[in-house]
PDB file of N, CA and C in Angstrom:
ATOM      1  N   MET A   1       0.852  -1.181   0.000  1.00  0.00           N
ATOM      2  CA  MET A   1       0.000   0.000   0.000  1.00  0.00           C
ATOM      3  C   MET A   1       0.892   1.237   0.000  1.00  0.00           C
ATOM      4  N   GLU A   2       0.504   2.194  -0.804  1.00  0.00           N
ATOM      5  CA  GLU A   2       1.257   3.436  -0.885  1.00  0.00           C
ATOM      6  C   GLU A   2       0.399   4.592  -0.374  1.00  0.00           C
ATOM      7  N   ILE A   3       1.051   5.517   0.311  1.00  0.00           N
ATOM      8  CA  ILE A   3       0.368   6.692   0.832  1.00  0.00           C
ATOM      9  C   ILE A   3       0.786   7.903   0.008  1.00  0.00           C
ATOM     10  N   LYS A   4      -0.176   8.587  -0.548  1.00  0.00           N
ATOM     11  CA  LYS A   4       0.081   9.834  -1.266  1.00  0.00           C
ATOM     12  C   LYS A   4      -0.196  10.982  -0.307  1.00  0.00           C
ATOM     13  N   ASN A   5       0.472  12.117  -0.541  1.00  0.00           N
ATOM     14  CA  ASN A   5       0.200  13.257   0.332  1.00  0.00           C
ATOM     15  C   ASN A   5       0.216  14.555  -0.459  1.00  0.00           C
ATOM     16  N   ARG A   6      -0.324  15.567   0.170  1.00  0.00           N
ATOM     17  CA  ARG A   6      -0.427  16.899  -0.432  1.00  0.00           C
ATOM     18  C   ARG A   6       0.376  17.911   0.384  1.00  0.00           C
ATOM     19  N   ILE A   7       1.452  17.447   1.013  1.00  0.00           N
ATOM     20  CA  ILE A   7       2.244  18.317   1.885  1.00  0.00           C
ATOM     21  C   ILE A   7       2.812  19.504   1.110  1.00  0.00           C
ATOM     22  N   LYS A   8       3.381  19.241  -0.049  1.00  0.00           N
ATOM     23  CA  LYS A   8       3.977  20.323  -0.839  1.00  0.00           C
ATOM     24  C   LYS A   8       2.933  21.388  -1.179  1.00  0.00           C
ATOM     25  N   GLU A   9       1.758  20.940  -1.559  1.00  0.00           N
ATOM     26  CA  GLU A   9       0.657  21.860  -1.873  1.00  0.00           C
ATOM     27  C   GLU A   9       0.278  22.711  -0.662  1.00  0.00           C
ATOM     28  N   TYR A  10       0.133  22.067   0.493  1.00  0.00           N
ATOM     29  CA  TYR A  10      -0.239  22.801   1.700  1.00  0.00           C
ATOM     30  C   TYR A  10       0.881  23.719   2.170  1.00  0.00           C
ATOM     31  N   ARG A  11       2.130  23.301   2.013  1.00  0.00           N
ATOM     32  CA  ARG A  11       3.254  24.178   2.366  1.00  0.00           C
ATOM     33  C   ARG A  11       3.203  25.460   1.541  1.00  0.00           C
ATOM     34  N   ALA A  12       2.938  25.313   0.244  1.00  0.00           N
ATOM     35  CA  ALA A  12       2.865  26.480  -0.640  1.00  0.00           C
ATOM     36  C   ALA A  12       1.720  27.408  -0.213  1.00  0.00           C
ATOM     37  N   ARG A  13       0.588  26.835   0.124  1.00  0.00           N
ATOM     38  CA  ARG A  13      -0.568  27.642   0.563  1.00  0.00           C
ATOM     39  C   ARG A  13      -0.246  28.447   1.818  1.00  0.00           C
ATOM     40  N   HIS A  14       0.558  27.848   2.688  1.00  0.00           N
ATOM     41  CA  HIS A  14       0.883  28.477   3.970  1.00  0.00           C
ATOM     42  C   HIS A  14       2.232  29.193   3.937  1.00  0.00           C
ATOM     43  N   ASP A  15       2.839  29.265   2.757  1.00  0.00           N
ATOM     44  CA  ASP A  15       4.112  29.963   2.568  1.00  0.00           C
ATOM     45  C   ASP A  15       5.181  29.463   3.542  1.00  0.00           C
ATOM     46  N   LEU A  16       5.304  28.136   3.631  1.00  0.00           N
ATOM     47  CA  LEU A  16       6.309  27.516   4.498  1.00  0.00           C
ATOM     48  C   LEU A  16       7.367  26.817   3.653  1.00  0.00           C
ATOM     49  N   THR A  17       8.613  26.914   4.097  1.00  0.00           N
ATOM     50  CA  THR A  17       9.668  26.134   3.459  1.00  0.00           C
ATOM     51  C   THR A  17       9.667  24.731   4.077  1.00  0.00           C
ATOM     52  N   GLN A  18      10.409  23.831   3.469  1.00  0.00           N
ATOM     53  CA  GLN A  18      10.542  22.493   4.052  1.00  0.00           C
ATOM     54  C   GLN A  18      11.149  22.598   5.440  1.00  0.00           C
ATOM     55  N   LYS A  19      12.128  23.473   5.598  1.00  0.00           N
ATOM     56  CA  LYS A  19      12.770  23.659   6.900  1.00  0.00           C
ATOM     57  C   LYS A  19      11.775  24.185   7.935  1.00  0.00           C
ATOM     58  N   ASP A  20      10.946  25.163   7.528  1.00  0.00           N
ATOM     59  CA  ASP A  20       9.938  25.715   8.446  1.00  0.00           C
ATOM     60  C   ASP A  20       9.002  24.623   8.954  1.00  0.00           C
ATOM     61  N   LEU A  21       8.489  23.819   8.030  1.00  0.00           N
ATOM     62  CA  LEU A  21       7.565  22.752   8.421  1.00  0.00           C
ATOM     63  C   LEU A  21       8.267  21.735   9.306  1.00  0.00           C
ATOM     64  N   ALA A  22       9.484  21.378   8.937  1.00  0.00           N
ATOM     65  CA  ALA A  22      10.245  20.413   9.734  1.00  0.00           C
ATOM     66  C   ALA A  22      10.398  20.891  11.176  1.00  0.00           C
ATOM     67  N   GLU A  23      10.724  22.156  11.351  1.00  0.00           N
ATOM     68  CA  GLU A  23      10.884  22.710  12.702  1.00  0.00           C
ATOM     69  C   GLU A  23       9.578  22.694  13.473  1.00  0.00           C
ATOM     70  N   LYS A  24       8.480  22.985  12.789  1.00  0.00           N
ATOM     71  CA  LYS A  24       7.165  23.015  13.455  1.00  0.00           C
ATOM     72  C   LYS A  24       6.732  21.633  13.938  1.00  0.00           C
ATOM     73  N   VAL A  25       7.122  20.572  13.209  1.00  0.00           N
ATOM     74  CA  VAL A  25       6.668  19.227  13.586  1.00  0.00           C
ATOM     75  C   VAL A  25       7.772  18.389  14.237  1.00  0.00           C
ATOM     76  N   GLY A  26       8.957  18.957  14.398  1.00  0.00           N
ATOM     77  CA  GLY A  26      10.019  18.281  15.142  1.00  0.00           C
ATOM     78  C   GLY A  26      10.744  17.182  14.381  1.00  0.00           C
ATOM     79  N   VAL A  27      10.935  17.378  13.083  1.00  0.00           N
ATOM     80  CA  VAL A  27      11.705  16.416  12.288  1.00  0.00           C
ATOM     81  C   VAL A  27      12.760  17.186  11.484  1.00  0.00           C
ATOM     82  N   THR A  28      13.571  16.462  10.729  1.00  0.00           N
ATOM     83  CA  THR A  28      14.561  17.121   9.881  1.00  0.00           C
ATOM     84  C   THR A  28      13.935  17.532   8.559  1.00  0.00           C
ATOM     85  N   ARG A  29      14.594  18.464   7.885  1.00  0.00           N
ATOM     86  CA  ARG A  29      14.136  18.875   6.556  1.00  0.00           C
ATOM     87  C   ARG A  29      14.143  17.687   5.613  1.00  0.00           C
ATOM     88  N   GLN A  30      15.127  16.792   5.782  1.00  0.00           N
ATOM     89  CA  GLN A  30      15.210  15.613   4.919  1.00  0.00           C
ATOM     90  C   GLN A  30      13.980  14.719   5.073  1.00  0.00           C
ATOM     91  N   THR A  31      13.406  14.655   6.255  1.00  0.00           N
ATOM     92  CA  THR A  31      12.179  13.879   6.456  1.00  0.00           C
ATOM     93  C   THR A  31      11.045  14.471   5.633  1.00  0.00           C
ATOM     94  N   ILE A  32      10.944  15.790   5.613  1.00  0.00           N
ATOM     95  CA  ILE A  32       9.908  16.449   4.811  1.00  0.00           C
ATOM     96  C   ILE A  32      10.146  16.184   3.335  1.00  0.00           C
ATOM     97  N   VAL A  33      11.395  16.250   2.897  1.00  0.00           N
ATOM     98  CA  VAL A  33      11.742  15.944   1.499  1.00  0.00           C
ATOM     99  C   VAL A  33      11.278  14.529   1.158  1.00  0.00           C
ATOM    100  N   SER A  34      11.587  13.573   2.025  1.00  0.00           N
ATOM    101  CA  SER A  34      11.214  12.170   1.792  1.00  0.00           C
ATOM    102  C   SER A  34       9.701  11.988   1.772  1.00  0.00           C
ATOM    103  N   LEU A  35       9.000  12.680   2.645  1.00  0.00           N
ATOM    104  CA  LEU A  35       7.537  12.618   2.644  1.00  0.00           C
ATOM    105  C   LEU A  35       6.986  13.130   1.324  1.00  0.00           C
ATOM    106  N   GLU A  36       7.489  14.275   0.876  1.00  0.00           N
ATOM    107  CA  GLU A  36       6.991  14.866  -0.358  1.00  0.00           C
ATOM    108  C   GLU A  36       7.295  13.999  -1.574  1.00  0.00           C
ATOM    109  N   LYS A  37       8.419  13.301  -1.555  1.00  0.00           N
ATOM    110  CA  LYS A  37       8.775  12.394  -2.652  1.00  0.00           C
ATOM    111  C   LYS A  37       7.985  11.096  -2.594  1.00  0.00           C
ATOM    112  N   GLY A  38       7.400  10.803  -1.443  1.00  0.00           N
ATOM    113  CA  GLY A  38       6.649   9.569  -1.284  1.00  0.00           C
ATOM    114  C   GLY A  38       7.507   8.383  -0.912  1.00  0.00           C
ATOM    115  N   THR A  39       8.734   8.643  -0.467  1.00  0.00           N
ATOM    116  CA  THR A  39       9.635   7.552  -0.090  1.00  0.00           C
ATOM    117  C   THR A  39       9.608   7.248   1.409  1.00  0.00           C
ATOM    118  N   TYR A  40       8.818   8.001   2.143  1.00  0.00           N
ATOM    119  CA  TYR A  40       8.713   7.818   3.594  1.00  0.00           C
ATOM    120  C   TYR A  40       7.253   7.894   3.996  1.00  0.00           C
ATOM    121  N   VAL A  41       6.809   6.918   4.764  1.00  0.00           N
ATOM    122  CA  VAL A  41       5.435   6.909   5.283  1.00  0.00           C
ATOM    123  C   VAL A  41       5.493   7.407   6.723  1.00  0.00           C
ATOM    124  N   PRO A  42       4.763   8.459   7.035  1.00  0.00           N
ATOM    125  CA  PRO A  42       4.852   9.033   8.378  1.00  0.00           C
ATOM    126  C   PRO A  42       4.160   8.171   9.428  1.00  0.00           C
ATOM    127  N   SER A  43       4.639   8.335  10.655  1.00  0.00           N
ATOM    128  CA  SER A  43       3.930   7.729  11.781  1.00  0.00           C
ATOM    129  C   SER A  43       2.608   8.464  11.952  1.00  0.00           C
ATOM    130  N   LEU A  44       1.711   7.870  12.692  1.00  0.00           N
ATOM    131  CA  LEU A  44       0.431   8.522  12.953  1.00  0.00           C
ATOM    132  C   LEU A  44       0.650   9.856  13.667  1.00  0.00           C
ATOM    133  N   LEU A  45       1.564   9.883  14.623  1.00  0.00           N
ATOM    134  CA  LEU A  45       1.830  11.119  15.359  1.00  0.00           C
ATOM    135  C   LEU A  45       2.356  12.211  14.433  1.00  0.00           C
ATOM    136  N   LEU A  46       3.275  11.868  13.535  1.00  0.00           N
ATOM    137  CA  LEU A  46       3.799  12.858  12.598  1.00  0.00           C
ATOM    138  C   LEU A  46       2.693  13.354  11.668  1.00  0.00           C
ATOM    139  N   ALA A  47       1.872  12.450  11.169  1.00  0.00           N
ATOM    140  CA  ALA A  47       0.757  12.845  10.302  1.00  0.00           C
ATOM    141  C   ALA A  47      -0.190  13.783  11.048  1.00  0.00           C
ATOM    142  N   MET A  48      -0.456  13.487  12.302  1.00  0.00           N
ATOM    143  CA  MET A  48      -1.330  14.349  13.112  1.00  0.00           C
ATOM    144  C   MET A  48      -0.704  15.729  13.307  1.00  0.00           C
ATOM    145  N   ASN A  49       0.595  15.763  13.570  1.00  0.00           N
ATOM    146  CA  ASN A  49       1.280  17.041  13.775  1.00  0.00           C
ATOM    147  C   ASN A  49       1.274  17.884  12.498  1.00  0.00           C
ATOM    148  N   ILE A  50       1.495  17.248  11.362  1.00  0.00           N
ATOM    149  CA  ILE A  50       1.471  17.967  10.092  1.00  0.00           C
ATOM    150  C   ILE A  50       0.064  18.521   9.829  1.00  0.00           C
ATOM    151  N   ALA A  51      -0.938  17.695  10.041  1.00  0.00           N
ATOM    152  CA  ALA A  51      -2.325  18.135   9.847  1.00  0.00           C
ATOM    153  C   ALA A  51      -2.653  19.315  10.764  1.00  0.00           C
ATOM    154  N   GLU A  52      -2.162  19.259  11.983  1.00  0.00           N
ATOM    155  CA  GLU A  52      -2.414  20.337  12.947  1.00  0.00           C
ATOM    156  C   GLU A  52      -1.780  21.657  12.482  1.00  0.00           C
ATOM    157  N   VAL A  53      -0.571  21.597  11.936  1.00  0.00           N
ATOM    158  CA  VAL A  53       0.091  22.809  11.432  1.00  0.00           C
ATOM    159  C   VAL A  53      -0.766  23.479  10.370  1.00  0.00           C
ATOM    160  N   PHE A  54      -1.366  22.664   9.499  1.00  0.00           N
ATOM    161  CA  PHE A  54      -2.169  23.202   8.405  1.00  0.00           C
ATOM    162  C   PHE A  54      -3.638  23.383   8.775  1.00  0.00           C
ATOM    163  N   ASN A  55      -3.994  23.033  10.008  1.00  0.00           N
ATOM    164  CA  ASN A  55      -5.378  23.131  10.482  1.00  0.00           C
ATOM    165  C   ASN A  55      -6.325  22.358   9.561  1.00  0.00           C
ATOM    166  N   GLU A  56      -5.918  21.144   9.229  1.00  0.00           N
ATOM    167  CA  GLU A  56      -6.684  20.264   8.342  1.00  0.00           C
ATOM    168  C   GLU A  56      -6.789  18.889   8.986  1.00  0.00           C
ATOM    169  N   SER A  57      -7.663  18.054   8.442  1.00  0.00           N
ATOM    170  CA  SER A  57      -7.738  16.669   8.895  1.00  0.00           C
ATOM    171  C   SER A  57      -6.597  15.881   8.247  1.00  0.00           C
ATOM    172  N   ILE A  58      -6.229  14.791   8.858  1.00  0.00           N
ATOM    173  CA  ILE A  58      -5.201  13.920   8.282  1.00  0.00           C
ATOM    174  C   ILE A  58      -5.640  13.480   6.889  1.00  0.00           C
ATOM    175  N   GLU A  59      -6.918  13.167   6.734  1.00  0.00           N
ATOM    176  CA  GLU A  59      -7.438  12.676   5.456  1.00  0.00           C
ATOM    177  C   GLU A  59      -7.345  13.713   4.349  1.00  0.00           C
ATOM    178  N   ALA A  60      -7.341  14.996   4.706  1.00  0.00           N
ATOM    179  CA  ALA A  60      -7.212  16.042   3.688  1.00  0.00           C
ATOM    180  C   ALA A  60      -5.804  16.080   3.107  1.00  0.00           C
ATOM    181  N   ILE A  61      -4.829  15.630   3.886  1.00  0.00           N
ATOM    182  CA  ILE A  61      -3.430  15.711   3.473  1.00  0.00           C
ATOM    183  C   ILE A  61      -2.885  14.371   2.977  1.00  0.00           C
ATOM    184  N   PHE A  62      -3.307  13.284   3.611  1.00  0.00           N
ATOM    185  CA  PHE A  62      -2.793  11.954   3.257  1.00  0.00           C
ATOM    186  C   PHE A  62      -3.913  11.066   2.729  1.00  0.00           C
ATOM    187  N   GLN A  63      -3.627  10.345   1.647  1.00  0.00           N
ATOM    188  CA  GLN A  63      -4.596   9.411   1.078  1.00  0.00           C
ATOM    189  C   GLN A  63      -3.886   8.122   0.671  1.00  0.00           C
ATOM    190  N   LYS A  64      -4.599   7.012   0.796  1.00  0.00           N
ATOM    191  CA  LYS A  64      -4.087   5.761   0.251  1.00  0.00           C
ATOM    192  C   LYS A  64      -4.129   5.879  -1.262  1.00  0.00           C
ATOM    193  N   GLU A  65      -3.162   5.281  -1.936  1.00  0.00           N
ATOM    194  CA  GLU A  65      -3.118   5.373  -3.388  1.00  0.00           C
ATOM    195  C   GLU A  65      -4.433   4.858  -3.974  1.00  0.00           C
ATOM    196  N   GLY A  66      -4.978   5.605  -4.925  1.00  0.00           N
ATOM    197  CA  GLY A  66      -6.212   5.224  -5.574  1.00  0.00           C
ATOM    198  C   GLY A  66      -7.452   5.860  -4.997  1.00  0.00           C
ATOM    199  N   GLU A  67      -7.335   6.481  -3.815  1.00  0.00           N
ATOM    200  CA  GLU A  67      -8.480   7.172  -3.214  1.00  0.00           C
ATOM    201  C   GLU A  67      -8.624   8.558  -3.813  1.00  0.00           C
ATOM    202  N   ALA A  68      -9.834   9.010  -3.934  1.00  0.00           N
ATOM    203  CA  ALA A  68     -10.095  10.368  -4.426  1.00  0.00           C
ATOM    204  C   ALA A  68      -9.733  11.366  -3.352  1.00  0.00           C
ATOM    205  N   LYS A  69      -9.407  12.576  -3.776  1.00  0.00           N
ATOM    206  CA  LYS A  69      -9.057  13.644  -2.818  1.00  0.00           C
ATOM    207  C   LYS A  69     -10.280  14.141  -2.104  1.00  0.00           C
TER     208      LYS A  69
END
């Protein structure tokens, strides 16, 4: 199963760099890069923290491959 995400899109909407988001959720910039590339699946806690930064539900940002947005 693959998880797709809209982190890059939400970062742009909120005018955040990868470094900014990484600092807000307590990870490295490289983790954000890996998430955006789809090579890293976040823990539930990380997904919750990212959703909280953007004031969105986890489902708005992360989807299983093949699910509609």
